């Protein structure tokens, strides 16, 4: 049966980093990994942008830059999103299943509250066309996610426990 695994924590807690490490660890196996990851772009330890990464090929494109007063984000969020990259991400998610491992990083306010952003992640997850789906979600949206996927397992992410979490998820997926 398809496993849905929700990784939940506030921004900056290492959700994406844990998934990237897990993806690298899974690469040694013959499992197919598809979907998207949203790694930060940092300069001198400061997050200056967000990329979108194809979980299959590791290709990266610029997803978002900080919104500014002179160029605000219409959604009211702190980031201004690149529409072409969102379209690319949604195309990747539309073609992601069937697969062994589905990555959907992140299902956030744009997806849950506005049906925008990487909304094709909903269809990919709902399809259950995978062995395991790894989905990052903020605690404020966890109730909505569990209403949609009541059988999902929730893992809390903490930077100091990241290595153990990656190992635990690897064992869960490969068992």
C-alpha atoms as a PDB file:
ATOM      1  CA  UNK A   1       0.000   0.000   0.000  1.00  0.00           C
ATOM      2  CA  UNK A   2       1.193   3.506  -0.827  1.00  0.00           C
ATOM      3  CA  UNK A   3       2.640   5.348   2.159  1.00  0.00           C
ATOM      4  CA  UNK A   4       2.155   9.075   2.542  1.00  0.00           C
ATOM      5  CA  UNK A   5       4.758  10.629   4.819  1.00  0.00           C
ATOM      6  CA  UNK A   6       4.285  14.218   5.926  1.00  0.00           C
ATOM      7  CA  UNK A   7       7.368  16.067   7.143  1.00  0.00           C
ATOM      8  CA  UNK A   8       6.195  18.966   9.231  1.00  0.00           C
ATOM      9  CA  UNK A   9       8.061  21.887  10.782  1.00  0.00           C
ATOM     10  CA  UNK A  10       8.323  25.641  10.553  1.00  0.00           C
ATOM     11  CA  UNK A  11      10.368  27.265   7.790  1.00  0.00           C
ATOM     12  CA  UNK A  12      14.108  26.941   8.183  1.00  0.00           C
ATOM     13  CA  UNK A  13      13.920  23.697  10.154  1.00  0.00           C
ATOM     14  CA  UNK A  14      15.622  21.471   7.577  1.00  0.00           C
ATOM     15  CA  UNK A  15      12.677  19.743   5.883  1.00  0.00           C
ATOM     16  CA  UNK A  16      14.076  20.165   2.386  1.00  0.00           C
ATOM     17  CA  UNK A  17      17.637  19.378   3.438  1.00  0.00           C
ATOM     18  CA  UNK A  18      16.438  16.111   5.002  1.00  0.00           C
ATOM     19  CA  UNK A  19      14.638  15.175   1.785  1.00  0.00           C
ATOM     20  CA  UNK A  20      17.680  15.962  -0.357  1.00  0.00           C
ATOM     21  CA  UNK A  21      19.836  13.770   1.896  1.00  0.00           C
ATOM     22  CA  UNK A  22      17.226  11.003   1.695  1.00  0.00           C
ATOM     23  CA  UNK A  23      17.085  11.312  -2.108  1.00  0.00           C
ATOM     24  CA  UNK A  24      20.873  10.939  -2.244  1.00  0.00           C
ATOM     25  CA  UNK A  25      20.732   7.886   0.021  1.00  0.00           C
ATOM     26  CA  UNK A  26      17.956   6.304  -2.061  1.00  0.00           C
ATOM     27  CA  UNK A  27      19.990   6.848  -5.259  1.00  0.00           C
ATOM     28  CA  UNK A  28      22.050   3.754  -4.400  1.00  0.00           C
ATOM     29  CA  UNK A  29      18.917   1.635  -4.868  1.00  0.00           C
ATOM     30  CA  UNK A  30      16.959   0.847  -8.024  1.00  0.00           C
ATOM     31  CA  UNK A  31      13.936   2.874  -6.912  1.00  0.00           C
ATOM     32  CA  UNK A  32      12.574   5.571  -9.213  1.00  0.00           C
ATOM     33  CA  UNK A  33      12.323   9.009  -7.606  1.00  0.00           C
ATOM     34  CA  UNK A  34      10.135  11.721  -9.133  1.00  0.00           C
ATOM     35  CA  UNK A  35       8.582  15.003  -8.071  1.00  0.00           C
ATOM     36  CA  UNK A  36      10.040  18.270  -6.846  1.00  0.00           C
ATOM     37  CA  UNK A  37      12.196  19.635  -4.061  1.00  0.00           C
ATOM     38  CA  UNK A  38      12.602  23.304  -3.110  1.00  0.00           C
ATOM     39  CA  UNK A  39      16.154  23.871  -1.863  1.00  0.00           C
ATOM     40  CA  UNK A  40      17.158  27.293  -0.576  1.00  0.00           C
ATOM     41  CA  UNK A  41      19.761  29.387  -2.363  1.00  0.00           C
ATOM     42  CA  UNK A  42      22.082  30.850   0.241  1.00  0.00           C
ATOM     43  CA  UNK A  43      24.766  33.507   0.182  1.00  0.00           C
ATOM     44  CA  UNK A  44      26.940  33.958   3.271  1.00  0.00           C
ATOM     45  CA  UNK A  45      24.468  31.885   5.299  1.00  0.00           C
ATOM     46  CA  UNK A  46      21.475  33.993   4.252  1.00  0.00           C
ATOM     47  CA  UNK A  47      18.580  32.606   2.193  1.00  0.00           C
ATOM     48  CA  UNK A  48      18.401  34.812  -0.900  1.00  0.00           C
ATOM     49  CA  UNK A  49      16.178  32.692  -3.140  1.00  0.00           C
ATOM     50  CA  UNK A  50      14.479  29.314  -3.538  1.00  0.00           C
ATOM     51  CA  UNK A  51      15.164  26.881  -6.362  1.00  0.00           C
ATOM     52  CA  UNK A  52      12.905  24.141  -7.653  1.00  0.00           C
ATOM     53  CA  UNK A  53      14.694  20.856  -8.271  1.00  0.00           C
ATOM     54  CA  UNK A  54      13.503  17.916 -10.347  1.00  0.00           C
ATOM     55  CA  UNK A  55      13.791  14.913  -8.000  1.00  0.00           C
ATOM     56  CA  UNK A  56      14.591  12.641 -10.945  1.00  0.00           C
ATOM     57  CA  UNK A  57      17.300  14.593 -12.797  1.00  0.00           C
ATOM     58  CA  UNK A  58      18.389  17.128 -10.122  1.00  0.00           C
ATOM     59  CA  UNK A  59      17.855  19.937 -12.667  1.00  0.00           C
ATOM     60  CA  UNK A  60      17.272  23.207 -10.829  1.00  0.00           C
ATOM     61  CA  UNK A  61      15.444  26.389 -11.779  1.00  0.00           C
ATOM     62  CA  UNK A  62      14.864  29.598  -9.853  1.00  0.00           C
ATOM     63  CA  UNK A  63      11.497  29.361  -8.091  1.00  0.00           C
ATOM     64  CA  UNK A  64      11.261  32.461  -5.909  1.00  0.00           C
ATOM     65  CA  UNK A  65      13.021  35.571  -4.693  1.00  0.00           C
ATOM     66  CA  UNK A  66      12.065  37.705  -1.716  1.00  0.00           C
ATOM     67  CA  UNK A  67       9.158  40.035  -2.316  1.00  0.00           C
ATOM     68  CA  UNK A  68      10.007  43.687  -1.823  1.00  0.00           C
ATOM     69  CA  UNK A  69       7.967  46.799  -1.188  1.00  0.00           C
ATOM     70  CA  UNK A  70       8.500  47.998  -4.733  1.00  0.00           C
ATOM     71  CA  UNK A  71       7.814  44.515  -6.225  1.00  0.00           C
ATOM     72  CA  UNK A  72       5.384  42.766  -3.827  1.00  0.00           C
ATOM     73  CA  UNK A  73       3.980  39.282  -4.288  1.00  0.00           C
ATOM     74  CA  UNK A  74       0.257  39.507  -5.140  1.00  0.00           C
ATOM     75  CA  UNK A  75      -0.480  36.512  -2.904  1.00  0.00           C
ATOM     76  CA  UNK A  76       0.713  38.487   0.124  1.00  0.00           C
ATOM     77  CA  UNK A  77       3.464  35.963   0.800  1.00  0.00           C
ATOM     78  CA  UNK A  78       7.071  36.863   1.503  1.00  0.00           C
ATOM     79  CA  UNK A  79       8.306  35.384  -1.776  1.00  0.00           C
ATOM     80  CA  UNK A  80       7.726  36.390  -5.392  1.00  0.00           C
ATOM     81  CA  UNK A  81       7.276  33.223  -7.456  1.00  0.00           C
ATOM     82  CA  UNK A  82       8.482  32.608 -11.003  1.00  0.00           C
ATOM     83  CA  UNK A  83       5.422  31.531 -13.001  1.00  0.00           C
ATOM     84  CA  UNK A  84       7.489  29.629 -15.591  1.00  0.00           C
ATOM     85  CA  UNK A  85       9.177  27.586 -12.868  1.00  0.00           C
ATOM     86  CA  UNK A  86       5.839  26.850 -11.199  1.00  0.00           C
ATOM     87  CA  UNK A  87       4.500  25.678 -14.567  1.00  0.00           C
ATOM     88  CA  UNK A  88       7.577  23.452 -14.991  1.00  0.00           C
ATOM     89  CA  UNK A  89       7.116  22.056 -11.467  1.00  0.00           C
ATOM     90  CA  UNK A  90       3.461  21.314 -12.109  1.00  0.00           C
ATOM     91  CA  UNK A  91       4.411  19.543 -15.346  1.00  0.00           C
ATOM     92  CA  UNK A  92       6.931  17.416 -13.415  1.00  0.00           C
ATOM     93  CA  UNK A  93       4.273  16.563 -10.827  1.00  0.00           C
ATOM     94  CA  UNK A  94       1.726  15.745 -13.548  1.00  0.00           C
ATOM     95  CA  UNK A  95       4.173  13.216 -15.009  1.00  0.00           C
ATOM     96  CA  UNK A  96       5.613  11.977 -11.683  1.00  0.00           C
ATOM     97  CA  UNK A  97       3.382   8.967 -11.096  1.00  0.00           C
ATOM     98  CA  UNK A  98       3.659   6.078 -11.272  1.00  0.00           C
ATOM     99  CA  UNK A  99       6.980   5.957  -9.460  1.00  0.00           C
ATOM    100  CA  UNK A 100       8.521   4.385  -6.391  1.00  0.00           C
ATOM    101  CA  UNK A 101       9.274   7.563  -4.439  1.00  0.00           C
ATOM    102  CA  UNK A 102       7.332  10.793  -4.906  1.00  0.00           C
ATOM    103  CA  UNK A 103       8.774  14.026  -3.504  1.00  0.00           C
ATOM    104  CA  UNK A 104       6.450  17.014  -3.072  1.00  0.00           C
ATOM    105  CA  UNK A 105       8.274  19.887  -1.388  1.00  0.00           C
ATOM    106  CA  UNK A 106       6.263  21.868  -0.380  1.00  0.00           C
ATOM    107  CA  UNK A 107       2.495  21.800  -0.138  1.00  0.00           C
ATOM    108  CA  UNK A 108       2.003  25.204   1.433  1.00  0.00           C
ATOM    109  CA  UNK A 109      -0.448  28.095   1.668  1.00  0.00           C
ATOM    110  CA  UNK A 110      -0.517  28.663  -2.096  1.00  0.00           C
ATOM    111  CA  UNK A 111      -1.577  25.070  -2.676  1.00  0.00           C
ATOM    112  CA  UNK A 112      -3.962  24.518   0.252  1.00  0.00           C
ATOM    113  CA  UNK A 113      -5.493  27.979   0.530  1.00  0.00           C
ATOM    114  CA  UNK A 114      -5.516  29.169  -3.087  1.00  0.00           C
ATOM    115  CA  UNK A 115      -5.130  26.038  -5.250  1.00  0.00           C
ATOM    116  CA  UNK A 116      -2.108  27.724  -6.856  1.00  0.00           C
ATOM    117  CA  UNK A 117       1.623  27.106  -6.663  1.00  0.00           C
ATOM    118  CA  UNK A 118       2.493  23.425  -7.103  1.00  0.00           C
ATOM    119  CA  UNK A 119      -1.160  22.353  -6.979  1.00  0.00           C
ATOM    120  CA  UNK A 120      -0.551  19.342  -9.273  1.00  0.00           C
ATOM    121  CA  UNK A 121       1.047  17.819  -6.183  1.00  0.00           C
ATOM    122  CA  UNK A 122      -2.474  17.090  -4.941  1.00  0.00           C
ATOM    123  CA  UNK A 123      -3.268  14.924  -7.977  1.00  0.00           C
ATOM    124  CA  UNK A 124       0.062  13.118  -7.763  1.00  0.00           C
ATOM    125  CA  UNK A 125      -0.394  12.314  -4.072  1.00  0.00           C
ATOM    126  CA  UNK A 126      -4.096  11.464  -4.429  1.00  0.00           C
ATOM    127  CA  UNK A 127      -3.267   8.983  -7.205  1.00  0.00           C
ATOM    128  CA  UNK A 128      -1.422   6.712  -4.760  1.00  0.00           C
ATOM    129  CA  UNK A 129       0.734   5.675  -7.724  1.00  0.00           C
ATOM    130  CA  UNK A 130       3.884   5.271  -5.622  1.00  0.00           C
ATOM    131  CA  UNK A 131       5.391   3.197  -2.827  1.00  0.00           C
ATOM    132  CA  UNK A 132       6.030   6.302  -0.710  1.00  0.00           C
ATOM    133  CA  UNK A 133       5.257   9.994  -1.056  1.00  0.00           C
ATOM    134  CA  UNK A 134       7.343  12.396   0.996  1.00  0.00           C
ATOM    135  CA  UNK A 135       5.493  15.678   1.427  1.00  0.00           C
ATOM    136  CA  UNK A 136       6.672  18.730   3.355  1.00  0.00           C
ATOM    137  CA  UNK A 137       4.041  20.787   5.107  1.00  0.00           C
ATOM    138  CA  UNK A 138       3.930  23.572   7.660  1.00  0.00           C
ATOM    139  CA  UNK A 139       2.340  22.816  11.047  1.00  0.00           C
ATOM    140  CA  UNK A 140      -0.426  25.365  10.345  1.00  0.00           C
ATOM    141  CA  UNK A 141      -1.564  23.231   7.386  1.00  0.00           C
ATOM    142  CA  UNK A 142      -1.144  19.832   8.989  1.00  0.00           C
ATOM    143  CA  UNK A 143      -4.815  19.546   9.962  1.00  0.00           C
ATOM    144  CA  UNK A 144      -5.880  20.200   6.352  1.00  0.00           C
ATOM    145  CA  UNK A 145      -3.348  17.672   5.054  1.00  0.00           C
ATOM    146  CA  UNK A 146      -4.528  14.986   7.470  1.00  0.00           C
ATOM    147  CA  UNK A 147      -8.154  15.674   6.533  1.00  0.00           C
ATOM    148  CA  UNK A 148      -7.194  14.952   2.914  1.00  0.00           C
ATOM    149  CA  UNK A 149      -4.849  12.018   3.688  1.00  0.00           C
ATOM    150  CA  UNK A 150      -6.006  10.597   7.050  1.00  0.00           C
ATOM    151  CA  UNK A 151      -3.688   7.572   6.800  1.00  0.00           C
ATOM    152  CA  UNK A 152      -0.559   9.710   6.399  1.00  0.00           C
ATOM    153  CA  UNK A 153       2.293   9.360   8.867  1.00  0.00           C
ATOM    154  CA  UNK A 154       3.598  12.589  10.351  1.00  0.00           C
ATOM    155  CA  UNK A 155       7.246  13.172  11.171  1.00  0.00           C
ATOM    156  CA  UNK A 156       8.366  16.347  12.932  1.00  0.00           C
ATOM    157  CA  UNK A 157      11.602  17.753  11.577  1.00  0.00           C
ATOM    158  CA  UNK A 158      14.301  19.220  13.796  1.00  0.00           C
ATOM    159  CA  UNK A 159      17.767  20.136  12.548  1.00  0.00           C
ATOM    160  CA  UNK A 160      19.508  18.356  15.441  1.00  0.00           C
ATOM    161  CA  UNK A 161      17.614  15.122  14.649  1.00  0.00           C
ATOM    162  CA  UNK A 162      17.984  15.301  10.868  1.00  0.00           C
ATOM    163  CA  UNK A 163      20.430  12.399  10.418  1.00  0.00           C
ATOM    164  CA  UNK A 164      18.275  10.095  12.502  1.00  0.00           C
ATOM    165  CA  UNK A 165      15.155  11.160  10.585  1.00  0.00           C
ATOM    166  CA  UNK A 166      16.813  10.449   7.220  1.00  0.00           C
ATOM    167  CA  UNK A 167      17.879   6.996   8.438  1.00  0.00           C
ATOM    168  CA  UNK A 168      14.407   6.276   9.880  1.00  0.00           C
ATOM    169  CA  UNK A 169      12.713   7.282   6.612  1.00  0.00           C
ATOM    170  CA  UNK A 170      15.186   5.230   4.581  1.00  0.00           C
ATOM    171  CA  UNK A 171      14.384   2.140   6.684  1.00  0.00           C
ATOM    172  CA  UNK A 172      10.640   2.776   6.433  1.00  0.00           C
ATOM    173  CA  UNK A 173      10.775   3.122   2.647  1.00  0.00           C
ATOM    174  CA  UNK A 174      13.012   0.123   2.060  1.00  0.00           C
ATOM    175  CA  UNK A 175      11.240  -2.240   4.450  1.00  0.00           C
END
